[in-house]
């Protein structure tokens, strides 16, 4: 695992050289290929060590991080074309990737906390440095303070665990059972804000709308998953308290998911709609994790990976439209099928994955989560039914609004999709639907 860290660190000088934009991307491709071929034993702990280690949860999320970083570079060609602080941009991406890689691969709770918080800095720089509107500073502050406000209790909780146990290794803590309510709340809130749970979700749509395409991709693709990953790791030793209190989180997330789904129909900004749909999807993930059962953990893991690819792909599509029309408003992005008929197919493919149509991994994840929540209580059926129905609803609304109808007369010059853009979308869609064929990897790990 150290070799990948070294590879990323030695890529930093490469970013500072001239005309190295695509070289960095190729290096990341090589790294991705090497990482994919690592031996991953699901049934035994052959890859666990005190420092850098990975089991199936870390493996999938690290792979997703590297993949999304590659696609971020591919999506940001306009920066390269305008030569807009390209070296710093690349360095920022590599630094962010290092932080994410370390977050997912360390087994020490304190180290995890450090890198978990460290990944905020590059994201903040991305939003403030390369965002589009002046409100990006406010969005950055929202992102920072929402996360930092609940991070101090998490740090205190980790210190308390160390004081009472004398160790902080995640794999040892799973034999523990801590029945302290205050510890439970302090450990869990930071991850719920990061997910984000309804009521503490306001930073997300703001950050998405102001972020550049690369910022939106990494926010939707990985940053939301940090919360889910943290919950999967921490709830193991807080099970007893969780079984008493999980009803709170499940009710908030299901009602919130339903309300956010309705709110998606009110959005006029394409990016904002996709961001709110992320909140709706993550609410089901929170519900599934909080049931603390087999199906819930499996479904949460699968849906986190599939949502990362799917949501990121949709932000790419929104950006492709934005680069042509210089607007993200649904009133102006109309009748795009007339201009870019091939792009309409990609809108259809990614939006159908977003509403969990087969053969996407989203379907497998949602089936598992619905299983877990129904086994917890049959009353969750009503909310799940509505969330799933409206999920299809706003996906169709977005598709029909952007692709059909009378196109805006102000669109005077236009060009079709480039091969880079089609490749970018294919790299999102293929893993998302082809990995459904190897879904057993996601299913056995528990």
Protein backbone atom coordinates (compact mmCIF):
# COMPACT_ATOMS: atom_id res chain seq x y z
CA UNK A 1 0.00 0.00 0.00
CA UNK A 2 2.95 2.30 0.62
CA UNK A 3 3.98 2.06 -3.03
CA UNK A 4 0.82 3.85 -4.19
CA UNK A 5 1.35 6.60 -1.65
CA UNK A 6 4.93 7.06 -2.90
CA UNK A 7 3.73 7.09 -6.49
CA UNK A 8 1.27 9.88 -5.72
CA UNK A 9 3.82 11.93 -3.78
CA UNK A 10 6.31 11.68 -6.64
CA UNK A 11 3.62 12.82 -9.07
CA UNK A 12 3.49 16.25 -7.37
CA UNK A 13 6.68 17.58 -9.11
CA UNK A 14 5.24 16.25 -12.38
CA UNK A 15 2.23 18.55 -11.94
CA UNK A 16 4.48 21.60 -11.76
CA UNK A 17 6.15 20.97 -15.13
CA UNK A 18 4.86 22.48 -18.34
CA UNK A 19 2.50 20.53 -20.65
CA UNK A 20 2.10 17.64 -18.25
CA UNK A 21 -1.71 17.76 -18.03
CA UNK A 22 -2.41 14.51 -19.81
CA UNK A 23 0.77 12.84 -18.54
CA UNK A 24 -0.52 13.13 -14.96
CA UNK A 25 -3.77 11.58 -16.09
CA UNK A 26 -1.95 8.70 -17.77
CA UNK A 27 0.07 8.09 -14.62
CA UNK A 28 -3.15 7.88 -12.64
CA UNK A 29 -4.49 5.40 -15.21
CA UNK A 30 -1.39 3.25 -14.67
CA UNK A 31 -1.86 3.50 -10.92
CA UNK A 32 -5.52 2.51 -11.23
CA UNK A 33 -4.54 -0.54 -13.28
CA UNK A 34 -1.94 -1.56 -10.69
CA UNK A 35 -4.40 -1.09 -7.85
CA UNK A 36 -7.13 -3.09 -9.57
CA UNK A 37 -4.76 -6.03 -9.81
CA UNK A 38 -3.94 -6.08 -6.11
CA UNK A 39 -4.78 -9.34 -4.45
CA UNK A 40 -7.99 -8.93 -2.53
CA UNK A 41 -8.92 -11.80 -0.26
CA UNK A 42 -12.45 -11.32 0.92
CA UNK A 43 -12.58 -14.18 3.37
CA UNK A 44 -9.42 -13.59 5.40
CA UNK A 45 -7.54 -10.63 6.76
CA UNK A 46 -4.44 -10.94 4.60
CA UNK A 47 -4.25 -7.23 3.81
CA UNK A 48 -4.72 -5.83 7.29
CA UNK A 49 -1.78 -4.19 9.04
CA UNK A 50 -1.25 -1.54 11.68
CA UNK A 51 -0.50 1.24 9.23
CA UNK A 52 -1.88 1.06 5.68
CA UNK A 53 -4.30 -1.74 5.06
CA UNK A 54 -7.40 -2.47 3.09
CA UNK A 55 -10.34 -4.78 3.21
CA UNK A 56 -13.13 -4.87 0.65
CA UNK A 57 -14.77 -1.62 1.84
CA UNK A 58 -11.54 0.37 1.60
CA UNK A 59 -10.60 -1.33 -1.65
CA UNK A 60 -13.77 -0.31 -3.47
CA UNK A 61 -13.68 3.25 -2.21
CA UNK A 62 -9.97 3.80 -2.94
CA UNK A 63 -10.54 2.47 -6.43
CA UNK A 64 -13.45 4.88 -6.85
CA UNK A 65 -11.28 7.78 -5.61
CA UNK A 66 -8.52 7.09 -8.15
CA UNK A 67 -11.06 6.61 -10.94
CA UNK A 68 -12.96 9.82 -10.21
CA UNK A 69 -9.65 11.74 -10.01
CA UNK A 70 -8.75 10.52 -13.49
CA UNK A 71 -12.15 11.61 -14.80
CA UNK A 72 -11.87 15.00 -13.06
CA UNK A 73 -8.76 15.76 -15.09
CA UNK A 74 -10.50 14.55 -18.22
CA UNK A 75 -13.53 16.76 -17.57
CA UNK A 76 -11.47 19.90 -16.89
CA UNK A 77 -10.01 20.37 -20.34
CA UNK A 78 -11.25 23.97 -20.51
CA UNK A 79 -8.79 24.88 -17.73
CA UNK A 80 -5.98 23.40 -19.80
CA UNK A 81 -7.17 25.23 -22.91
CA UNK A 82 -7.30 28.60 -21.14
CA UNK A 83 -4.16 27.77 -19.14
CA UNK A 84 -5.94 28.77 -15.94
CA UNK A 85 -3.54 27.80 -13.11
CA UNK A 86 -3.28 24.28 -14.49
CA UNK A 87 -0.26 23.19 -12.42
CA UNK A 88 -1.89 24.23 -9.17
CA UNK A 89 -5.10 22.51 -10.21
CA UNK A 90 -3.30 19.22 -10.87
CA UNK A 91 -1.38 19.49 -7.63
CA UNK A 92 -4.62 20.09 -5.78
CA UNK A 93 -6.16 16.96 -7.28
CA UNK A 94 -3.13 14.84 -6.38
CA UNK A 95 -3.11 16.23 -2.84
CA UNK A 96 -6.82 15.49 -2.51
CA UNK A 97 -6.28 11.96 -3.82
CA UNK A 98 -3.49 11.39 -1.28
CA UNK A 99 -5.81 12.53 1.50
CA UNK A 100 -8.66 10.29 0.35
CA UNK A 101 -6.34 7.34 -0.19
CA UNK A 102 -4.99 7.68 3.35
CA UNK A 103 -8.46 8.19 4.83
CA UNK A 104 -9.67 4.92 3.40
CA UNK A 105 -6.51 2.92 4.06
CA UNK A 106 -5.51 3.77 7.64
CA UNK A 107 -6.80 1.60 10.43
CA UNK A 108 -6.05 4.00 13.28
CA UNK A 109 -9.06 6.11 14.30
CA UNK A 110 -7.03 9.24 14.98
CA UNK A 111 -5.17 9.02 11.66
CA UNK A 112 -8.53 8.47 9.98
CA UNK A 113 -9.85 11.65 11.63
CA UNK A 114 -6.81 13.63 10.52
CA UNK A 115 -7.07 12.70 6.85
CA UNK A 116 -10.88 12.89 6.96
CA UNK A 117 -10.53 16.57 7.91
CA UNK A 118 -7.51 17.11 5.66
CA UNK A 119 -9.55 16.32 2.56
CA UNK A 120 -11.58 19.49 3.25
CA UNK A 121 -8.71 21.80 2.33
CA UNK A 122 -8.21 20.79 -1.33
CA UNK A 123 -11.99 20.75 -1.88
CA UNK A 124 -12.24 24.25 -0.44
CA UNK A 125 -9.42 25.43 -2.73
CA UNK A 126 -11.17 23.83 -5.72
CA UNK A 127 -14.43 25.61 -4.99
CA UNK A 128 -12.92 29.01 -4.18
CA UNK A 129 -10.22 28.92 -6.85
CA UNK A 130 -12.06 27.50 -9.85
CA UNK A 131 -15.75 28.08 -9.05
CA UNK A 132 -17.95 30.15 -11.35
CA UNK A 133 -19.95 32.67 -9.25
CA UNK A 134 -18.90 35.11 -6.54
CA UNK A 135 -21.08 33.21 -4.02
CA UNK A 136 -18.48 30.44 -4.04
CA UNK A 137 -16.78 31.93 -0.98
CA UNK A 138 -20.01 31.66 0.99
CA UNK A 139 -20.46 28.08 -0.26
CA UNK A 140 -16.91 27.27 0.84
CA UNK A 141 -17.59 28.68 4.30
CA UNK A 142 -20.79 26.64 4.58
CA UNK A 143 -18.87 23.49 3.65
CA UNK A 144 -16.08 24.25 6.10
CA UNK A 145 -18.12 25.23 9.13
CA UNK A 146 -20.84 22.61 8.83
CA UNK A 147 -18.12 19.96 8.83
CA UNK A 148 -15.83 21.54 11.41
CA UNK A 149 -18.62 22.27 13.88
CA UNK A 150 -19.30 18.56 14.42
CA UNK A 151 -15.69 17.46 14.04
CA UNK A 152 -14.53 18.56 17.47
CA UNK A 153 -16.92 16.16 19.27
CA UNK A 154 -15.61 13.37 17.00
CA UNK A 155 -12.03 14.18 18.02
CA UNK A 156 -13.03 14.23 21.70
CA UNK A 157 -14.76 10.86 21.24
CA UNK A 158 -11.64 9.35 19.67
CA UNK A 159 -9.49 10.66 22.55
CA UNK A 160 -11.95 9.22 25.04
CA UNK A 161 -11.78 5.80 23.35
CA UNK A 162 -7.99 5.92 23.47
CA UNK A 163 -8.02 6.92 27.15
CA UNK A 164 -10.32 4.09 28.16
CA UNK A 165 -8.98 1.37 25.80
CA UNK A 166 -5.35 2.35 25.21
CA UNK A 167 -5.65 1.64 21.50
CA UNK A 168 -7.44 3.06 18.51
CA UNK A 169 -7.25 0.35 15.87
CA UNK A 170 -10.60 -0.11 14.13
CA UNK A 171 -10.18 -3.86 13.89
CA UNK A 172 -9.66 -4.29 17.63
CA UNK A 173 -12.52 -2.00 18.56
CA UNK A 174 -15.00 -4.28 16.89
CA UNK A 175 -14.76 -6.64 19.88
CA UNK A 176 -15.80 -3.78 22.17
CA UNK A 177 -19.26 -2.71 23.18
CA UNK A 178 -19.55 0.87 24.34
CA UNK A 179 -22.89 1.91 25.77
CA UNK A 180 -22.33 5.64 26.23
CA UNK A 181 -24.91 7.91 24.65
CA UNK A 182 -22.73 10.99 24.56
CA UNK A 183 -19.90 9.04 22.90
CA UNK A 184 -22.39 7.69 20.38
CA UNK A 185 -23.62 11.16 19.40
CA UNK A 186 -20.14 12.66 19.28
CA UNK A 187 -18.78 9.84 17.09
CA UNK A 188 -21.69 9.75 14.72
CA UNK A 189 -22.69 13.35 14.02
CA UNK A 190 -19.61 14.26 11.97
CA UNK A 191 -20.38 11.43 9.56
CA UNK A 192 -24.07 12.28 9.34
CA UNK A 193 -23.23 15.87 8.36
CA UNK A 194 -20.79 14.59 5.76
CA UNK A 195 -23.34 12.19 4.24
CA UNK A 196 -25.34 14.60 4.45
CA UNK A 197 -28.38 13.77 6.53
CA UNK A 198 -31.53 15.87 6.12
CA UNK A 199 -31.46 18.99 8.39
CA UNK A 200 -27.67 19.23 8.04
CA UNK A 201 -27.65 18.99 4.26
CA UNK A 202 -27.74 22.66 3.34
CA UNK A 203 -24.02 22.95 2.62
CA UNK A 204 -24.18 20.35 -0.16
CA UNK A 205 -26.44 21.94 -2.82
CA UNK A 206 -24.67 25.26 -2.22
CA UNK A 207 -21.21 23.75 -2.64
CA UNK A 208 -22.29 21.81 -5.75
CA UNK A 209 -23.77 24.80 -7.51
CA UNK A 210 -20.72 26.98 -6.92
CA UNK A 211 -18.04 24.30 -7.52
CA UNK A 212 -16.36 23.75 -10.90
CA UNK A 213 -17.15 20.45 -12.65
CA UNK A 214 -14.18 18.71 -11.03
CA UNK A 215 -15.25 19.93 -7.58
CA UNK A 216 -18.79 18.67 -8.10
CA UNK A 217 -17.52 15.30 -9.32
CA UNK A 218 -15.30 14.68 -6.32
CA UNK A 219 -17.91 16.06 -3.88
CA UNK A 220 -20.63 13.76 -5.18
CA UNK A 221 -18.30 10.89 -5.97
CA UNK A 222 -16.17 10.61 -2.84
CA UNK A 223 -16.81 13.25 -0.17
CA UNK A 224 -20.31 11.99 0.63
CA UNK A 225 -18.90 8.48 0.88
CA UNK A 226 -16.47 9.48 3.63
CA UNK A 227 -19.46 9.79 5.95
CA UNK A 228 -20.82 6.38 4.99
CA UNK A 229 -17.39 4.79 5.37
CA UNK A 230 -16.97 6.35 8.81
CA UNK A 231 -20.39 5.06 9.91
CA UNK A 232 -19.62 1.54 8.67
CA UNK A 233 -16.41 1.55 10.72
CA UNK A 234 -17.69 3.22 13.88
CA UNK A 235 -21.11 1.62 14.36
CA UNK A 236 -19.49 -1.78 14.88
CA UNK A 237 -18.56 -0.95 18.48
CA UNK A 238 -21.60 1.26 19.18
CA UNK A 239 -24.18 -1.33 18.26
CA UNK A 240 -26.02 -1.54 21.54
CA UNK A 241 -26.71 2.21 21.78
CA UNK A 242 -27.48 2.28 18.09
CA UNK A 243 -30.19 -0.36 18.43
CA UNK A 244 -31.92 1.91 20.95
CA UNK A 245 -31.55 5.15 18.99
CA UNK A 246 -31.56 4.15 15.35
CA UNK A 247 -35.26 4.93 15.03
CA UNK A 248 -34.40 8.67 15.18
CA UNK A 249 -31.97 8.57 12.26
CA UNK A 250 -34.11 6.24 10.16
CA UNK A 251 -37.21 8.43 10.54
CA UNK A 252 -35.27 11.64 9.80
CA UNK A 253 -33.57 10.16 6.75
CA UNK A 254 -36.71 8.58 5.26
CA UNK A 255 -38.93 11.63 5.78
CA UNK A 256 -36.07 13.87 4.64
CA UNK A 257 -35.45 11.72 1.56
CA UNK A 258 -39.13 12.01 0.63
CA UNK A 259 -39.19 15.77 1.17
CA UNK A 260 -35.95 16.31 -0.78
CA UNK A 261 -37.36 14.21 -3.64
CA UNK A 262 -40.30 16.62 -3.81
CA UNK A 263 -37.91 19.54 -3.64
CA UNK A 264 -36.10 18.18 -6.74
CA UNK A 265 -39.20 18.98 -8.79
CA UNK A 266 -38.92 22.67 -7.79
CA UNK A 267 -35.33 23.13 -9.00
CA UNK A 268 -34.57 25.21 -12.06
CA UNK A 269 -30.79 24.78 -11.92
CA UNK A 270 -29.65 21.43 -13.38
CA UNK A 271 -26.72 21.12 -10.95
CA UNK A 272 -28.93 21.93 -8.00
CA UNK A 273 -31.40 19.21 -9.02
CA UNK A 274 -28.62 16.60 -9.26
CA UNK A 275 -27.23 17.73 -5.88
CA UNK A 276 -30.62 17.37 -4.17
CA UNK A 277 -31.07 13.94 -5.76
CA UNK A 278 -27.74 12.96 -4.14
CA UNK A 279 -29.16 13.92 -0.75
CA UNK A 280 -32.24 11.76 -1.42
CA UNK A 281 -30.09 8.74 -2.34
CA UNK A 282 -27.78 9.17 0.62
CA UNK A 283 -30.77 9.30 2.97
CA UNK A 284 -31.63 5.70 2.06
CA UNK A 285 -27.97 4.77 2.65
CA UNK A 286 -28.12 6.30 6.16
CA UNK A 287 -31.32 4.36 6.84
CA UNK A 288 -29.69 1.11 5.68
CA UNK A 289 -26.53 1.60 7.76
CA UNK A 290 -28.56 2.49 10.86
CA UNK A 291 -30.45 -0.82 10.79
CA UNK A 292 -27.02 -2.41 11.48
CA UNK A 293 -27.83 -5.60 9.66
CA UNK A 294 -26.17 -7.56 6.90
CA UNK A 295 -28.38 -6.36 4.05
CA UNK A 296 -28.09 -2.75 5.17
CA UNK A 297 -24.30 -2.69 5.22
CA UNK A 298 -24.03 -4.48 1.89
CA UNK A 299 -26.62 -2.24 0.24
CA UNK A 300 -25.02 0.92 1.64
CA UNK A 301 -21.61 -0.10 0.27
CA UNK A 302 -22.95 -0.95 -3.19
CA UNK A 303 -25.13 2.16 -3.43
CA UNK A 304 -22.26 4.39 -2.30
CA UNK A 305 -20.01 3.14 -5.09
CA UNK A 306 -22.73 3.21 -7.75
CA UNK A 307 -23.99 6.65 -6.70
CA UNK A 308 -20.41 7.95 -6.88
CA UNK A 309 -20.13 6.98 -10.55
CA UNK A 310 -23.68 7.90 -11.51
CA UNK A 311 -23.84 11.30 -9.84
CA UNK A 312 -20.40 12.24 -11.10
CA UNK A 313 -21.45 11.34 -14.66
CA UNK A 314 -24.54 13.53 -14.39
CA UNK A 315 -22.47 16.50 -13.23
CA UNK A 316 -20.28 15.95 -16.30
CA UNK A 317 -23.35 16.09 -18.52
CA UNK A 318 -24.55 19.28 -16.82
CA UNK A 319 -21.10 20.78 -17.41
CA UNK A 320 -21.06 19.72 -21.09
CA UNK A 321 -24.30 21.69 -21.54
CA UNK A 322 -22.92 24.59 -19.52
CA UNK A 323 -19.81 24.82 -21.71
CA UNK A 324 -22.06 25.25 -24.78
CA UNK A 325 -24.84 27.49 -23.50
CA UNK A 326 -23.20 29.17 -20.49
CA UNK A 327 -26.30 28.56 -18.44
CA UNK A 328 -27.50 25.77 -16.19
CA UNK A 329 -31.09 26.93 -16.12
CA UNK A 330 -33.70 24.38 -17.18
CA UNK A 331 -35.59 27.16 -18.98
CA UNK A 332 -32.68 27.68 -21.35
CA UNK A 333 -31.35 24.11 -21.61
CA UNK A 334 -34.31 22.86 -23.65
CA UNK A 335 -34.66 20.75 -26.76
CA UNK A 336 -31.03 19.64 -26.58
CA UNK A 337 -31.91 16.57 -28.62
CA UNK A 338 -32.00 18.84 -31.68
CA UNK A 339 -28.43 20.00 -31.11
CA UNK A 340 -26.73 16.94 -29.64
CA UNK A 341 -28.69 13.81 -30.47
CA UNK A 342 -25.85 11.51 -29.35
CA UNK A 343 -25.64 13.28 -26.01
CA UNK A 344 -29.34 12.57 -25.45
CA UNK A 345 -28.44 8.88 -25.29
CA UNK A 346 -25.93 9.54 -22.50
CA UNK A 347 -28.47 11.63 -20.61
CA UNK A 348 -30.86 8.73 -20.90
CA UNK A 349 -28.31 6.10 -19.81
CA UNK A 350 -27.07 7.99 -16.75
CA UNK A 351 -30.49 9.16 -15.65
CA UNK A 352 -31.88 5.64 -15.99
CA UNK A 353 -29.07 4.45 -13.73
CA UNK A 354 -29.91 7.26 -11.32
CA UNK A 355 -33.48 6.00 -10.99
CA UNK A 356 -32.09 2.51 -10.29
CA UNK A 357 -33.08 0.80 -13.51
CA UNK A 358 -31.42 -2.54 -14.33
CA UNK A 359 -28.62 -3.43 -15.08
CA UNK A 360 -27.08 -0.68 -12.94
CA UNK A 361 -25.48 -1.28 -9.56
CA UNK A 362 -27.90 1.27 -8.09
CA UNK A 363 -30.67 -1.31 -8.46
CA UNK A 364 -28.76 -3.95 -6.48
CA UNK A 365 -27.92 -1.41 -3.78
CA UNK A 366 -31.49 -0.17 -3.48
CA UNK A 367 -32.93 -3.69 -3.37
CA UNK A 368 -30.56 -4.56 -0.50
CA UNK A 369 -31.38 -1.36 1.36
CA UNK A 370 -35.12 -1.84 0.90
CA UNK A 371 -34.67 -5.40 2.22
CA UNK A 372 -32.83 -4.17 5.29
CA UNK A 373 -35.28 -1.38 6.10
CA UNK A 374 -38.32 -3.61 5.63
CA UNK A 375 -36.82 -6.26 7.90
CA UNK A 376 -36.38 -3.50 10.50
CA UNK A 377 -40.00 -2.35 10.24
CA UNK A 378 -42.68 -2.87 7.61
CA UNK A 379 -43.84 0.74 8.13
CA UNK A 380 -40.77 2.01 6.26
CA UNK A 381 -42.40 0.56 3.13
CA UNK A 382 -44.54 3.67 2.54
CA UNK A 383 -41.65 6.11 2.56
CA UNK A 384 -39.39 3.83 0.53
CA UNK A 385 -42.15 3.44 -2.04
CA UNK A 386 -42.52 7.22 -2.36
CA UNK A 387 -38.76 7.86 -2.49
CA UNK A 388 -38.27 5.25 -5.23
CA UNK A 389 -41.24 6.56 -7.20
CA UNK A 390 -40.16 10.20 -7.00
CA UNK A 391 -36.59 9.22 -7.80
CA UNK A 392 -37.85 7.96 -11.16
CA UNK A 393 -40.04 11.08 -11.35
CA UNK A 394 -37.33 13.73 -11.07
CA UNK A 395 -34.98 11.75 -13.31
CA UNK A 396 -37.63 11.72 -16.04
CA UNK A 397 -38.43 15.37 -15.34
CA UNK A 398 -34.77 16.34 -15.85
CA UNK A 399 -34.47 14.22 -18.99
CA UNK A 400 -37.66 15.36 -20.68
CA UNK A 401 -37.08 19.01 -19.75
CA UNK A 402 -33.51 19.16 -21.12
CA UNK A 403 -33.89 16.95 -24.18
CA UNK A 404 -37.39 17.67 -25.50
CA UNK A 405 -39.38 20.81 -26.13
CA UNK A 406 -38.74 23.94 -28.13
CA UNK A 407 -35.12 25.00 -27.97
CA UNK A 408 -34.06 28.41 -26.75
CA UNK A 409 -33.71 30.89 -29.61
CA UNK A 410 -30.78 32.66 -27.96
CA UNK A 411 -28.51 29.68 -28.68
CA UNK A 412 -26.69 31.01 -31.71
CA UNK A 413 -23.49 28.99 -32.14
CA UNK A 414 -23.05 25.40 -31.16
CA UNK A 415 -20.83 22.38 -31.53
CA UNK A 416 -21.45 18.69 -31.00
CA UNK A 417 -19.89 16.55 -28.29
CA UNK A 418 -16.17 15.85 -28.65
CA UNK A 419 -14.67 12.37 -28.42
CA UNK A 420 -13.15 13.30 -25.04
CA UNK A 421 -16.62 13.98 -23.65
CA UNK A 422 -18.08 10.73 -24.95
CA UNK A 423 -15.14 8.84 -23.49
CA UNK A 424 -15.61 10.62 -20.17
CA UNK A 425 -19.27 9.57 -20.03
CA UNK A 426 -18.46 6.04 -21.11
CA UNK A 427 -15.93 5.74 -18.29
CA UNK A 428 -18.71 6.63 -15.86
CA UNK A 429 -21.40 4.43 -17.31
CA UNK A 430 -19.47 1.24 -18.14
CA UNK A 431 -18.12 0.47 -14.65
CA UNK A 432 -21.49 1.41 -13.18
CA UNK A 433 -23.34 -1.17 -15.26
CA UNK A 434 -20.64 -3.75 -15.87
CA UNK A 435 -19.78 -4.10 -12.18
CA UNK A 436 -23.34 -5.25 -11.64
CA UNK A 437 -22.19 -8.49 -13.32
CA UNK A 438 -19.61 -8.96 -10.56
CA UNK A 439 -21.94 -7.91 -7.77
CA UNK A 440 -20.91 -10.95 -5.70
CA UNK A 441 -17.79 -9.01 -4.63
CA UNK A 442 -20.01 -6.42 -3.01
CA UNK A 443 -22.27 -9.05 -1.53
CA UNK A 444 -19.86 -11.52 0.12
CA UNK A 445 -17.66 -9.16 2.14
CA UNK A 446 -19.84 -9.02 5.19
